[in-house]
Amino acid sequence: MNKLFTLFLFIHSAVYAIDPYKRNEAIDVQQYLFQLEVNDSTDRISGVAQVTISFKKTITSFDLDLVNKNAQGLGMTVSAVTLNGNPISFLHQNDRLTIQLTAASTVNEQFTFEITYAGIPLDGFIIGKNKFGDRGFFGDNWPDRGHHWLPVIDHPSDKARVTFVVIAPHHYSVVANGIQTEETFLNAKQKLTRYEEEVAIPVKVMVVGIARFAVQRAGVVDGITVESWVYPQNKAEGFSDYAPAVQVLDFFHRHIGPYPFKKLANVQSKTRWGGLENAGAIFYFENSVNGKGDHVSLIAHEEAHQWFGNSASENDWHHVWLSEGFATYFSHLYLEHAYGHDQLVKEQIIDREQAIKYYAKNPAPIVDTTLTDINKVLSTNTYQKAGWVLHMLRHKVGDALFWKGIQTYYARYQKSNALTDDFRLVMEEVTGQNLKPFFDQWLFRGGHPRLSGNWSYNAAKKELTLEINQTQKEPFFSFPLDVAWIGKDGLPKAETVQIDAKSKKITLKADFEPIEVKLDPNIWMLFEGQIQKK
């Protein structure tokens, strides 16, 4: 999800709590099949969901998430639940669908339940006119808005395969997760379109889009088709603006690991976000198409999510930096690859300024387990500051080990879930370093170093003396800091010093008298402040 549009979460009227109830560890959803029928006369959708569940413990009932119809008539009503064609008891209240088993389950049993329901979605499925006045239907599930229109376990820890079967008027095209396996004209007015995604994904990135589209095959990367789906009225601009997705996919596919899905569709849509990283079918905001080609960073951010967030998924909302921080930094890494290291430096400077400003008003860590609102896990902390953590980790361990660690982490947790410590342990394994102090101070503690101090030069001894102070409150940070000094000829010399106390006095050999001393000249450190000549 693109960081520029996180504001929409904070102004949205609905409130979503983090894990508002204890998840049922006795069940594991294996497969969803959603048959949805839409029309042009009303916003009402009709749904039949087949939910295949594996039972890990003996239970007599279980819950799915599905929003009830409210006083304004928005929400879903369940008319039947069946198992093997036989009706079974259910209770739908408080946005929970409780299904009663006719007999207690046994371990490793697997059943498919069919749920028939209908209603007008309050949220999560956006129905209405686009900027050209054409009607469309767009899924928009993040963070847990999928259960406004789908009966699901709406949490990233329970991933499943998904099939969408859409019955819609002829004039619409349909895009969704996975590969299209069927398109059948049912009668004079309706057609059926079927998509199947064989990789287990979180509900937050399950999606379907139904609208008038112009579709282009933009390219192929190692057998993976890259498609552009845009409004017909801005077809030329859209095909041009989304074209960089091919080069972005090639870079990540080669540097992280094999792309986890069979196709990549880039879709102009009605998402509330700048971009929403739906698995294999990324939705971008309408005005991402403007003919200027100025959203390469956005495309790279959402494509990075295909690996981090969609395939290797955070196991809990508090660890969303494993998705958003990774997408933020890997977007910068693509820009570095495409436009040079100076572009990465530019992005890091911008992100550093934003992280510093954010902390002044929100003194919290990146992994903030005190949060009770999903909305607030998306912040400058989990985007820009988390991206900075990866940048500093790269500098700490070196490029070769950084990439090896990233590739190992992805290979181990692809199509699965991870927490922050899982990533740390992989990086420790690959680098042979104890990284717990680094992770603790940058991810589980708030803040950053604030530095002040002075420098002086002893010409007789050819020594440069630095006095560096951390002025923020305890506990103080421990970190390597690059220092460069520049002489009259303009040629700099640099050395790395270790800062690990409130005040540190350091003497360095210097063959020439500096006219300027710079901290972190190559932009590898998240801090604020500077030192002056004594």
Protein backbone atom coordinates (compact mmCIF):
# COMPACT_ATOMS: atom_id res chain seq x y z
CA MET A 1 0.00 0.00 0.00
CA ASN A 2 1.34 3.38 -0.93
CA LYS A 3 2.40 5.62 1.95
CA LEU A 4 1.00 8.81 0.39
CA PHE A 5 -2.54 7.63 0.90
CA THR A 6 -2.40 6.39 4.48
CA LEU A 7 -4.24 9.55 5.49
CA PHE A 8 -7.45 7.96 4.26
CA LEU A 9 -7.27 5.41 7.04
CA PHE A 10 -7.19 8.06 9.72
CA ILE A 11 -10.15 10.04 8.41
CA HIS A 12 -12.31 7.05 7.62
CA SER A 13 -15.28 6.77 9.96
CA ALA A 14 -15.05 3.06 10.68
CA VAL A 15 -12.87 1.85 13.54
CA TYR A 16 -11.04 -1.46 13.31
CA ALA A 17 -9.51 -3.02 16.39
CA ILE A 18 -6.40 -5.16 16.25
CA ASP A 19 -7.45 -8.72 16.97
CA PRO A 20 -10.74 -7.70 18.63
CA TYR A 21 -11.36 -11.33 19.51
CA LYS A 22 -9.25 -14.39 20.07
CA ARG A 23 -8.61 -16.20 16.81
CA ASN A 24 -9.78 -19.79 16.65
CA GLU A 25 -6.60 -21.82 16.36
CA ALA A 26 -8.66 -24.97 15.80
CA ILE A 27 -9.41 -24.08 12.17
CA ASP A 28 -7.32 -23.28 9.13
CA VAL A 29 -9.00 -22.08 5.94
CA GLN A 30 -7.55 -23.87 2.93
CA GLN A 31 -9.64 -22.55 0.06
CA TYR A 32 -12.26 -19.93 -0.70
CA LEU A 33 -14.54 -19.94 -3.72
CA PHE A 34 -16.66 -16.81 -4.07
CA GLN A 35 -19.43 -16.65 -6.65
CA LEU A 36 -20.65 -13.07 -6.93
CA GLU A 37 -23.44 -11.63 -9.05
CA VAL A 38 -23.60 -7.89 -9.72
CA ASN A 39 -25.97 -5.78 -11.77
CA ASP A 40 -26.51 -2.25 -13.02
CA SER A 41 -29.92 -1.62 -11.45
CA THR A 42 -28.88 -1.80 -7.78
CA ASP A 43 -25.76 -1.99 -5.60
CA ARG A 44 -26.92 -5.29 -4.16
CA ILE A 45 -24.58 -8.23 -4.63
CA SER A 46 -25.61 -11.89 -4.40
CA GLY A 47 -22.98 -14.29 -3.13
CA VAL A 48 -22.37 -17.97 -2.69
CA ALA A 49 -19.17 -18.78 -0.82
CA GLN A 50 -17.59 -22.19 -0.53
CA VAL A 51 -15.15 -22.22 2.38
CA THR A 52 -12.90 -25.25 2.78
CA ILE A 53 -11.64 -25.62 6.35
CA SER A 54 -9.13 -27.97 7.93
CA PHE A 55 -9.76 -28.71 11.60
CA LYS A 56 -6.72 -28.82 13.84
CA LYS A 57 -8.64 -29.53 17.05
CA THR A 58 -11.93 -31.03 18.12
CA ILE A 59 -14.64 -28.35 18.16
CA THR A 60 -18.41 -28.12 17.73
CA SER A 61 -18.66 -24.66 16.15
CA PHE A 62 -16.54 -21.94 14.56
CA ASP A 63 -16.82 -18.33 13.41
CA LEU A 64 -16.24 -16.48 10.19
CA ASP A 65 -16.14 -12.70 9.79
CA LEU A 66 -19.06 -11.16 7.86
CA VAL A 67 -20.63 -7.77 8.45
CA ASN A 68 -24.34 -7.76 9.39
CA LYS A 69 -26.94 -5.55 7.75
CA ASN A 70 -27.19 -2.27 9.67
CA ALA A 71 -30.12 0.05 10.37
CA GLN A 72 -29.54 1.81 7.04
CA GLY A 73 -29.85 -1.49 5.17
CA LEU A 74 -26.16 -1.79 4.35
CA GLY A 75 -24.37 -5.06 5.06
CA MET A 76 -24.90 -8.73 4.40
CA THR A 77 -27.71 -11.17 5.21
CA VAL A 78 -27.04 -14.91 5.24
CA SER A 79 -29.92 -17.04 3.98
CA ALA A 80 -28.40 -20.51 4.24
CA VAL A 81 -25.35 -22.53 5.28
CA THR A 82 -24.96 -26.09 4.03
CA LEU A 83 -22.51 -28.96 4.33
CA ASN A 84 -22.62 -31.65 1.66
CA GLY A 85 -25.92 -30.18 0.51
CA ASN A 86 -27.52 -30.42 3.93
CA PRO A 87 -28.59 -27.31 5.87
CA ILE A 88 -26.76 -26.70 9.16
CA SER A 89 -27.44 -24.26 11.96
CA PHE A 90 -25.85 -20.84 12.01
CA LEU A 91 -26.07 -17.53 13.85
CA HIS A 92 -25.17 -14.23 12.20
CA GLN A 93 -24.76 -11.35 14.63
CA ASN A 94 -22.17 -8.77 15.71
CA ASP A 95 -20.44 -9.18 12.34
CA ARG A 96 -19.70 -12.84 13.09
CA LEU A 97 -21.14 -15.87 11.33
CA THR A 98 -21.16 -18.74 13.82
CA ILE A 99 -21.55 -22.14 12.15
CA GLN A 100 -22.70 -25.07 14.28
CA LEU A 101 -21.32 -28.48 13.36
CA THR A 102 -23.72 -31.41 13.42
CA ALA A 103 -21.01 -33.47 15.13
CA ALA A 104 -17.73 -32.59 16.77
CA SER A 105 -14.85 -32.30 14.33
CA THR A 106 -11.83 -34.51 14.51
CA VAL A 107 -8.22 -33.49 13.97
CA ASN A 108 -7.18 -33.24 10.29
CA GLU A 109 -10.76 -33.41 9.04
CA GLN A 110 -11.50 -31.12 6.12
CA PHE A 111 -14.95 -29.90 5.07
CA THR A 112 -16.33 -27.41 2.58
CA PHE A 113 -19.18 -25.22 3.81
CA GLU A 114 -21.42 -23.33 1.42
CA ILE A 115 -22.79 -19.96 2.52
CA THR A 116 -25.51 -18.14 0.59
CA TYR A 117 -25.77 -14.44 1.31
CA ALA A 118 -26.62 -11.07 -0.23
CA GLY A 119 -26.64 -7.37 0.53
CA ILE A 120 -25.26 -3.92 -0.25
CA PRO A 121 -21.65 -3.58 0.95
CA LEU A 122 -21.04 -0.79 3.44
CA ASP A 123 -17.32 -0.88 2.64
CA GLY A 124 -14.63 -3.09 1.12
CA PHE A 125 -16.34 -3.37 -2.28
CA ILE A 126 -16.57 0.02 -3.96
CA ILE A 127 -19.54 0.36 -6.31
CA GLY A 128 -20.09 3.55 -8.27
CA LYS A 129 -18.95 5.79 -11.11
CA ASN A 130 -15.34 6.39 -12.01
CA LYS A 131 -13.93 9.74 -13.05
CA PHE A 132 -15.30 9.28 -16.57
CA GLY A 133 -18.80 8.51 -15.31
CA ASP A 134 -18.63 4.76 -15.97
CA ARG A 135 -19.93 2.33 -13.36
CA GLY A 136 -17.55 -0.14 -11.76
CA PHE A 137 -17.08 -2.56 -8.87
CA PHE A 138 -13.71 -2.71 -7.09
CA GLY A 139 -12.59 -4.80 -4.11
CA ASP A 140 -10.61 -2.79 -1.57
CA ASN A 141 -9.98 -5.10 1.37
CA TRP A 142 -7.05 -3.65 3.34
CA PRO A 143 -6.77 -3.90 6.30
CA ASP A 144 -9.77 -6.04 7.36
CA ARG A 145 -12.51 -4.66 5.12
CA GLY A 146 -12.87 -7.89 3.17
CA HIS A 147 -15.52 -9.19 5.56
CA HIS A 148 -17.83 -6.38 4.50
CA TRP A 149 -18.60 -8.42 1.38
CA LEU A 150 -16.99 -11.86 1.87
CA PRO A 151 -17.39 -14.47 4.66
CA VAL A 152 -13.75 -15.00 5.69
CA ILE A 153 -11.15 -15.16 8.43
CA ASP A 154 -10.12 -11.53 7.97
CA HIS A 155 -6.62 -11.66 9.39
CA PRO A 156 -3.25 -12.03 7.63
CA SER A 157 -2.26 -15.08 9.68
CA ASP A 158 -4.84 -17.30 7.93
CA LYS A 159 -3.96 -17.48 4.24
CA ALA A 160 -5.86 -19.49 1.66
CA ARG A 161 -6.22 -20.17 -2.04
CA VAL A 162 -9.04 -18.26 -3.69
CA THR A 163 -11.32 -18.58 -6.72
CA PHE A 164 -13.60 -15.79 -7.92
CA VAL A 165 -16.58 -16.56 -10.14
CA VAL A 166 -18.24 -13.33 -11.29
CA ILE A 167 -21.61 -13.07 -13.01
CA ALA A 168 -21.97 -9.59 -14.50
CA PRO A 169 -23.49 -7.74 -17.47
CA HIS A 170 -21.78 -8.36 -20.83
CA HIS A 171 -20.21 -4.90 -21.11
CA TYR A 172 -17.90 -5.42 -18.13
CA SER A 173 -14.45 -6.99 -18.07
CA VAL A 174 -13.29 -8.75 -14.91
CA VAL A 175 -9.84 -8.86 -13.31
CA ALA A 176 -8.97 -10.78 -10.14
CA ASN A 177 -6.26 -12.73 -8.39
CA GLY A 178 -4.87 -15.66 -10.31
CA ILE A 179 -5.39 -16.82 -13.86
CA GLN A 180 -8.61 -16.49 -15.82
CA THR A 181 -9.83 -20.02 -16.49
CA GLU A 182 -13.30 -19.35 -17.93
CA GLU A 183 -15.40 -16.74 -19.65
CA THR A 184 -18.89 -17.92 -20.63
CA PHE A 185 -21.86 -15.96 -21.96
CA LEU A 186 -24.80 -17.22 -19.91
CA ASN A 187 -27.64 -15.44 -21.68
CA ALA A 188 -28.43 -12.29 -23.65
CA LYS A 189 -27.37 -10.03 -20.80
CA GLN A 190 -24.90 -11.84 -18.50
CA LYS A 191 -21.55 -13.54 -18.68
CA LEU A 192 -19.56 -15.58 -16.17
CA THR A 193 -15.84 -15.03 -15.57
CA ARG A 194 -13.72 -17.32 -13.41
CA TYR A 195 -10.27 -16.66 -11.91
CA GLU A 196 -8.28 -19.16 -9.85
CA GLU A 197 -5.36 -18.31 -7.53
CA GLU A 198 -3.51 -21.45 -6.45
CA VAL A 199 -1.14 -19.69 -4.02
CA ALA A 200 -2.44 -19.12 -0.48
CA ILE A 201 -2.78 -15.39 0.20
CA PRO A 202 -4.20 -13.18 2.99
CA VAL A 203 -7.75 -11.89 2.62
CA LYS A 204 -6.39 -8.32 2.69
CA VAL A 205 -5.02 -8.83 -0.85
CA MET A 206 -7.86 -10.90 -2.35
CA VAL A 207 -9.59 -8.84 -5.00
CA VAL A 208 -11.89 -8.58 -7.97
CA GLY A 209 -12.45 -5.60 -10.29
CA ILE A 210 -15.43 -5.31 -12.64
CA ALA A 211 -15.51 -2.39 -15.08
CA ARG A 212 -15.00 -1.25 -18.65
CA PHE A 213 -11.29 -1.75 -19.29
CA ALA A 214 -8.77 -1.45 -22.06
CA VAL A 215 -6.25 -4.25 -21.56
CA GLN A 216 -2.68 -4.48 -22.82
CA ARG A 217 -0.09 -7.23 -22.53
CA ALA A 218 2.78 -4.97 -21.47
CA GLY A 219 5.47 -7.64 -21.46
CA VAL A 220 6.67 -11.00 -20.20
CA VAL A 221 9.27 -11.68 -17.52
CA ASP A 222 10.50 -15.27 -17.28
CA GLY A 223 7.13 -16.54 -18.46
CA ILE A 224 5.11 -14.18 -16.27
CA THR A 225 2.68 -11.98 -18.18
CA VAL A 226 2.52 -8.33 -17.15
CA GLU A 227 -0.81 -6.69 -18.00
CA SER A 228 -2.15 -3.13 -17.91
CA TRP A 229 -5.88 -2.65 -17.20
CA VAL A 230 -6.97 0.96 -17.63
CA TYR A 231 -10.08 2.97 -18.42
CA PRO A 232 -10.68 3.10 -22.20
CA GLN A 233 -10.89 6.91 -22.14
CA ASN A 234 -7.21 7.19 -21.06
CA LYS A 235 -5.89 4.06 -22.72
CA ALA A 236 -2.79 5.57 -24.34
CA GLU A 237 -1.71 7.34 -21.17
CA GLY A 238 -2.42 4.30 -18.99
CA PHE A 239 -0.49 1.86 -21.15
CA SER A 240 2.47 4.25 -21.10
CA ASP A 241 2.29 5.03 -17.37
CA TYR A 242 2.10 1.36 -16.34
CA ALA A 243 4.79 0.15 -18.78
CA PRO A 244 7.65 0.42 -16.20
CA ALA A 245 6.03 -2.46 -14.27
CA VAL A 246 7.81 -4.89 -16.60
CA GLN A 247 11.31 -3.63 -15.68
CA VAL A 248 10.39 -3.46 -11.99
CA LEU A 249 9.21 -7.08 -12.00
CA ASP A 250 12.39 -8.20 -13.72
CA PHE A 251 14.57 -6.48 -11.10
CA PHE A 252 12.77 -7.95 -8.08
CA HIS A 253 12.38 -11.36 -9.71
CA ARG A 254 16.15 -11.55 -10.16
CA HIS A 255 17.22 -9.97 -6.87
CA ILE A 256 14.74 -11.31 -4.27
CA GLY A 257 13.53 -14.62 -5.61
CA PRO A 258 11.04 -16.02 -8.11
CA TYR A 259 7.85 -13.98 -8.48
CA PRO A 260 5.21 -15.87 -6.45
CA PHE A 261 2.25 -15.61 -8.86
CA LYS A 262 1.50 -16.52 -12.47
CA LYS A 263 0.55 -13.06 -13.73
CA LEU A 264 0.83 -9.42 -12.76
CA ALA A 265 -2.04 -7.07 -13.63
CA ASN A 266 -1.69 -3.34 -12.97
CA VAL A 267 -5.18 -1.89 -12.69
CA GLN A 268 -6.58 1.64 -12.73
CA SER A 269 -9.30 1.58 -10.09
CA LYS A 270 -11.35 3.24 -7.39
CA THR A 271 -9.12 2.18 -4.50
CA ARG A 272 -8.91 4.68 -1.64
CA TRP A 273 -5.13 4.14 -1.56
CA GLY A 274 -2.40 5.38 -3.83
CA GLY A 275 -1.95 1.73 -4.64
CA LEU A 276 -3.22 -1.49 -3.10
CA GLU A 277 -0.95 -4.50 -3.51
CA ASN A 278 -3.60 -7.13 -4.26
CA ALA A 279 -1.85 -10.40 -5.10
CA GLY A 280 -1.11 -10.52 -8.81
CA ALA A 281 -3.61 -7.71 -9.48
CA ILE A 282 -2.40 -4.37 -8.12
CA PHE A 283 -5.02 -1.62 -7.94
CA TYR A 284 -3.87 1.99 -8.41
CA PHE A 285 -5.80 5.20 -7.79
CA GLU A 286 -7.54 6.69 -10.81
CA ASN A 287 -5.18 9.61 -11.30
CA SER A 288 -2.11 7.39 -11.32
CA VAL A 289 -2.82 7.55 -15.04
CA ASN A 290 -1.84 11.01 -16.26
CA GLY A 291 0.49 10.40 -19.19
CA LYS A 292 3.51 11.74 -17.30
CA GLY A 293 5.08 8.46 -16.21
CA ASP A 294 5.70 9.92 -12.77
CA HIS A 295 4.53 6.99 -10.62
CA VAL A 296 7.44 4.58 -11.05
CA SER A 297 8.12 4.67 -7.31
CA LEU A 298 4.49 3.77 -6.60
CA ILE A 299 4.61 0.87 -9.06
CA ALA A 300 7.84 -0.41 -7.48
CA HIS A 301 6.36 -0.10 -3.97
CA GLU A 302 3.29 -2.17 -4.84
CA GLU A 303 5.26 -4.75 -6.79
CA ALA A 304 7.67 -5.24 -3.88
CA HIS A 305 4.62 -6.18 -1.81
CA GLN A 306 4.08 -9.22 -4.01
CA TRP A 307 7.07 -10.74 -2.22
CA PHE A 308 6.78 -8.92 1.12
CA GLY A 309 3.23 -8.87 2.46
CA ASN A 310 1.51 -11.08 -0.10
CA SER A 311 3.82 -14.10 -0.15
CA ALA A 312 5.97 -13.63 2.97
CA SER A 313 3.22 -12.10 5.13
CA GLU A 314 3.31 -10.54 8.57
CA ASN A 315 1.71 -12.88 11.11
CA ASP A 316 0.17 -10.02 13.11
CA TRP A 317 -0.73 -6.40 12.45
CA HIS A 318 1.91 -5.05 14.84
CA HIS A 319 4.59 -6.38 12.50
CA VAL A 320 3.25 -4.68 9.37
CA TRP A 321 6.68 -3.07 8.83
CA LEU A 322 7.69 -6.45 7.35
CA SER A 323 5.31 -5.49 4.57
CA GLU A 324 5.26 -1.69 4.36
CA GLY A 325 8.83 -0.96 5.44
CA PHE A 326 10.13 -3.55 2.98
CA ALA A 327 8.00 -2.15 0.14
CA THR A 328 9.21 1.38 0.94
CA TYR A 329 12.89 0.47 0.91
CA PHE A 330 12.71 -1.93 -2.02
CA SER A 331 11.02 0.78 -4.04
CA HIS A 332 14.09 2.92 -3.30
CA LEU A 333 16.37 0.03 -4.24
CA TYR A 334 14.68 -0.18 -7.62
CA LEU A 335 15.12 3.57 -8.12
CA GLU A 336 18.80 3.14 -7.21
CA HIS A 337 19.07 0.39 -9.83
CA ALA A 338 17.22 2.40 -12.50
CA TYR A 339 18.53 5.92 -11.88
CA GLY A 340 21.69 5.59 -9.81
CA HIS A 341 22.78 5.78 -6.17
CA ASP A 342 22.12 9.52 -5.95
CA GLN A 343 18.41 8.84 -6.39
CA LEU A 344 18.46 6.45 -3.42
CA VAL A 345 20.23 9.10 -1.33
CA LYS A 346 17.59 11.65 -2.29
CA GLU A 347 14.79 9.29 -1.21
CA GLN A 348 16.52 8.46 2.08
CA ILE A 349 16.99 12.12 2.95
CA ILE A 350 13.29 12.78 2.37
CA ASP A 351 12.31 9.76 4.46
CA ARG A 352 14.71 10.70 7.25
CA GLU A 353 13.20 14.17 7.53
CA GLN A 354 9.70 12.69 7.67
CA ALA A 355 10.67 10.12 10.32
CA ILE A 356 12.23 12.81 12.52
CA LYS A 357 9.18 15.08 12.22
CA TYR A 358 6.81 12.21 12.92
CA TYR A 359 8.58 11.15 16.10
CA ALA A 360 8.34 14.66 17.51
CA LYS A 361 4.57 14.23 17.73
CA ASN A 362 4.32 10.43 17.94
CA PRO A 363 7.03 9.02 20.22
CA ALA A 364 6.39 5.33 19.55
CA PRO A 365 8.42 2.37 18.27
CA ILE A 366 7.93 0.76 14.86
CA VAL A 367 6.62 -2.46 16.45
CA ASP A 368 4.10 -0.91 18.80
CA THR A 369 2.19 -3.62 20.65
CA THR A 370 0.14 -1.04 22.57
CA LEU A 371 -1.90 -0.13 19.49
CA THR A 372 -5.50 -1.29 19.45
CA ASP A 373 -6.52 0.24 16.12
CA ILE A 374 -5.40 -1.27 12.82
CA ASN A 375 -5.57 2.19 11.25
CA LYS A 376 -2.64 3.33 13.34
CA VAL A 377 -0.23 0.56 12.38
CA LEU A 378 0.16 2.44 9.11
CA SER A 379 2.36 5.41 9.86
CA THR A 380 5.63 7.11 9.02
CA ASN A 381 7.15 4.63 11.48
CA THR A 382 6.11 1.52 9.55
CA TYR A 383 6.89 3.06 6.16
CA GLN A 384 9.74 5.59 6.14
CA LYS A 385 11.44 4.78 9.44
CA ALA A 386 11.15 1.04 8.83
CA GLY A 387 12.68 1.56 5.41
CA TRP A 388 15.52 3.36 7.13
CA VAL A 389 16.07 0.36 9.40
CA LEU A 390 16.65 -1.80 6.33
CA HIS A 391 18.95 0.86 4.88
CA MET A 392 21.05 0.91 8.06
CA LEU A 393 21.04 -2.88 8.21
CA ARG A 394 22.35 -2.99 4.65
CA HIS A 395 25.19 -0.62 5.62
CA LYS A 396 25.93 -2.57 8.80
CA VAL A 397 26.27 -6.00 7.18
CA GLY A 398 27.34 -4.99 3.67
CA ASP A 399 25.60 -5.34 0.32
CA ALA A 400 26.45 -8.99 -0.32
CA LEU A 401 25.24 -10.27 3.05
CA PHE A 402 22.22 -7.97 3.00
CA TRP A 403 20.99 -9.42 -0.28
CA LYS A 404 21.83 -12.96 0.80
CA GLY A 405 19.85 -12.41 4.00
CA ILE A 406 16.87 -10.98 2.09
CA GLN A 407 16.88 -13.89 -0.34
CA THR A 408 17.16 -16.42 2.49
CA TYR A 409 14.35 -14.79 4.46
CA TYR A 410 12.07 -14.76 1.44
CA ALA A 411 12.88 -18.34 0.48
CA ARG A 412 12.11 -19.52 4.01
CA TYR A 413 8.88 -17.59 4.56
CA GLN A 414 7.41 -17.35 1.07
CA LYS A 415 3.77 -18.50 1.00
CA SER A 416 3.89 -18.36 4.80
CA ASN A 417 3.93 -15.89 7.71
CA ALA A 418 6.67 -14.30 9.79
CA LEU A 419 7.28 -12.01 12.73
CA THR A 420 10.13 -9.56 13.25
CA ASP A 421 12.23 -12.05 15.19
CA ASP A 422 11.98 -14.52 12.31
CA PHE A 423 13.59 -11.96 10.02
CA ARG A 424 16.24 -11.14 12.63
CA LEU A 425 17.18 -14.77 13.11
CA VAL A 426 17.64 -15.26 9.37
CA MET A 427 19.88 -12.20 9.14
CA GLU A 428 21.92 -13.41 12.12
CA GLU A 429 22.28 -16.83 10.53
CA VAL A 430 23.50 -15.36 7.25
CA THR A 431 25.81 -12.70 8.69
CA GLY A 432 27.10 -14.50 11.77
CA GLN A 433 26.37 -11.36 13.80
CA ASN A 434 24.31 -10.77 16.92
CA LEU A 435 21.71 -8.36 15.59
CA LYS A 436 19.38 -8.34 18.57
CA PRO A 437 20.71 -5.02 19.94
CA PHE A 438 20.25 -3.44 16.51
CA PHE A 439 16.67 -4.73 16.12
CA ASP A 440 15.75 -3.88 19.71
CA GLN A 441 16.86 -0.26 19.55
CA TRP A 442 15.52 0.52 16.09
CA LEU A 443 12.29 -1.49 15.99
CA PHE A 444 11.10 -2.05 19.54
CA ARG A 445 12.23 1.32 20.94
CA GLY A 446 11.10 4.70 19.74
CA GLY A 447 13.26 7.57 18.66
CA HIS A 448 16.63 8.16 17.06
CA PRO A 449 19.93 9.78 18.05
CA ARG A 450 20.03 13.55 18.37
CA LEU A 451 23.61 14.67 18.09
CA SER A 452 25.56 17.80 18.92
CA GLY A 453 29.23 18.50 19.57
CA ASN A 454 32.36 20.06 18.21
CA TRP A 455 35.63 19.30 16.51
CA SER A 456 39.15 20.67 16.70
CA TYR A 457 42.43 20.07 14.90
CA ASN A 458 45.94 19.78 16.38
CA ALA A 459 48.34 20.59 13.56
CA ALA A 460 51.41 19.57 15.54
CA LYS A 461 50.06 16.10 16.25
CA LYS A 462 48.02 15.92 13.02
CA GLU A 463 45.01 14.86 15.04
CA LEU A 464 41.32 15.58 14.60
CA THR A 465 39.38 15.50 17.87
CA LEU A 466 35.63 15.01 17.90
CA GLU A 467 33.33 15.50 20.87
CA ILE A 468 29.92 13.99 20.06
CA ASN A 469 26.95 14.08 22.44
CA GLN A 470 23.59 12.35 22.30
CA THR A 471 21.08 14.91 23.51
CA GLN A 472 17.92 12.80 23.49
CA LYS A 473 16.66 11.16 26.68
CA GLU A 474 17.99 7.79 27.78
CA PRO A 475 18.42 5.07 26.78
CA PHE A 476 21.12 6.15 24.40
CA PHE A 477 21.77 4.54 21.03
CA SER A 478 24.78 2.49 20.00
CA PHE A 479 25.70 2.86 16.34
CA PRO A 480 28.52 3.29 13.83
CA LEU A 481 28.80 6.80 12.45
CA ASP A 482 30.71 7.79 9.34
CA VAL A 483 32.72 11.00 9.70
CA ALA A 484 34.30 12.87 6.80
CA TRP A 485 36.65 15.83 6.89
CA ILE A 486 37.47 18.04 3.94
CA GLY A 487 40.62 20.07 3.36
CA LYS A 488 41.36 23.10 1.21
CA ASP A 489 41.86 20.92 -1.87
CA GLY A 490 38.30 19.69 -1.51
CA LEU A 491 39.23 16.04 -1.20
CA PRO A 492 37.51 14.33 1.73
CA LYS A 493 38.78 11.63 4.00
CA ALA A 494 36.39 9.44 5.98
CA GLU A 495 36.42 7.06 8.90
CA THR A 496 33.77 5.18 10.84
CA VAL A 497 33.53 5.73 14.59
CA GLN A 498 31.41 3.91 17.14
CA ILE A 499 29.02 5.97 19.26
CA ASP A 500 27.82 4.05 22.31
CA ALA A 501 27.44 6.56 25.16
CA LYS A 502 25.85 9.90 25.98
CA SER A 503 29.16 11.63 25.28
CA LYS A 504 32.07 10.37 23.24
CA LYS A 505 35.47 11.95 22.64
CA ILE A 506 37.30 10.54 19.63
CA THR A 507 40.73 11.34 18.24
CA LEU A 508 41.53 10.50 14.64
CA LYS A 509 44.74 10.80 12.63
CA ALA A 510 44.37 13.57 10.03
CA ASP A 511 47.18 14.49 7.65
CA PHE A 512 45.64 17.83 6.74
CA GLU A 513 43.71 20.57 8.50
CA PRO A 514 39.96 20.29 7.84
CA ILE A 515 37.88 23.23 6.76
CA GLU A 516 34.71 21.22 7.33
CA VAL A 517 33.69 18.06 9.20
CA LYS A 518 30.56 16.18 8.16
CA LEU A 519 28.64 13.49 9.99
CA ASP A 520 27.21 10.70 7.85
CA PRO A 521 28.36 12.17 4.53
CA ASN A 522 26.96 9.30 2.46
CA ILE A 523 23.53 9.15 4.18
CA TRP A 524 23.55 5.80 5.98
CA MET A 525 22.35 6.86 9.42
CA LEU A 526 18.99 7.90 10.88
CA PHE A 527 19.78 10.81 13.20
CA GLU A 528 19.47 14.57 13.50
CA GLY A 529 22.07 17.18 14.43
CA GLN A 530 25.58 18.23 13.51
CA ILE A 531 28.88 19.27 15.05
CA GLN A 532 30.60 22.65 14.88
CA LYS A 533 34.22 23.75 14.89
CA LYS A 534 35.35 24.39 18.46
